[in-house]
Amino acid sequence: MSLDQYAAGYSGKSEAANARRLIQEYHLDLDPEDFVEECIRLEDEQLSKGVPLKKGTLKVLD
């Protein structure tokens, strides 16, 4: 999915609404609630690894 597709169809909508739409659009055999839970789990897993700071970030925050 491109950024434009995401922005036009999914940005600003609830996780539940996006899950239902993705399941319908891509004909996925998934339960919407399970799908949302798995997405949140994967997001938490990725965020727990941290993200690199851009050069100058700490200076700006100070």
Protein backbone atom coordinates (compact mmCIF):
# COMPACT_ATOMS: atom_id res chain seq x y z
CA MET A 1 0.00 0.00 0.00
CA SER A 2 1.39 3.36 -0.94
CA LEU A 3 1.48 6.35 1.39
CA ASP A 4 -1.11 8.06 -0.82
CA GLN A 5 -3.44 5.05 -0.52
CA TYR A 6 -2.99 5.00 3.24
CA ALA A 7 -3.61 8.74 3.55
CA ALA A 8 -6.71 8.62 1.37
CA GLY A 9 -8.34 5.54 2.84
CA TYR A 10 -7.01 4.81 6.30
CA SER A 11 -5.44 7.86 7.95
CA GLY A 12 -7.53 9.34 10.74
CA LYS A 13 -9.79 6.32 11.10
CA SER A 14 -10.00 3.97 14.06
CA GLU A 15 -7.98 0.77 14.20
CA ALA A 16 -11.19 -1.24 14.19
CA ALA A 17 -12.50 0.55 11.07
CA ASN A 18 -9.19 0.07 9.30
CA ALA A 19 -9.08 -3.61 10.25
CA ARG A 20 -12.58 -4.20 8.89
CA ARG A 21 -11.75 -2.38 5.65
CA LEU A 22 -8.46 -4.25 5.13
CA ILE A 23 -10.14 -7.60 5.79
CA GLN A 24 -12.91 -6.80 3.32
CA GLU A 25 -10.71 -5.19 0.66
CA TYR A 26 -8.11 -7.96 0.63
CA HIS A 27 -10.53 -10.84 1.33
CA LEU A 28 -8.68 -11.90 4.47
CA ASP A 29 -9.99 -14.73 6.60
CA LEU A 30 -9.40 -12.91 9.89
CA ASP A 31 -11.40 -11.81 12.88
CA PRO A 32 -11.24 -7.98 13.08
CA GLU A 33 -10.61 -7.97 16.85
CA ASP A 34 -7.81 -10.54 16.56
CA PHE A 35 -6.33 -8.58 13.67
CA VAL A 36 -6.25 -5.35 15.70
CA GLU A 37 -4.72 -7.13 18.70
CA GLU A 38 -1.98 -8.61 16.51
CA CYS A 39 -1.25 -5.24 14.90
CA ILE A 40 -0.93 -3.62 18.33
CA ARG A 41 1.34 -6.43 19.52
CA LEU A 42 3.61 -6.05 16.49
CA GLU A 43 3.68 -2.27 16.88
CA ASP A 44 4.60 -2.59 20.55
CA GLU A 45 7.33 -5.07 19.66
CA GLN A 46 8.83 -2.70 17.10
CA LEU A 47 8.60 0.35 19.37
CA SER A 48 10.23 -1.51 22.26
CA LYS A 49 13.36 -1.78 20.12
CA GLY A 50 13.58 2.00 20.03
CA VAL A 51 14.26 4.26 17.09
CA PRO A 52 17.46 6.05 16.21
CA LEU A 53 17.52 9.77 16.92
CA LYS A 54 18.13 12.14 14.07
CA LYS A 55 21.31 14.19 14.23
CA GLY A 56 20.75 17.25 16.41
CA THR A 57 17.66 15.94 18.21
CA LEU A 58 19.17 16.09 21.69
CA LYS A 59 20.50 19.59 21.07
CA VAL A 60 17.04 20.81 20.06
CA LEU A 61 15.46 19.18 23.11
CA ASP A 62 18.00 20.77 25.45
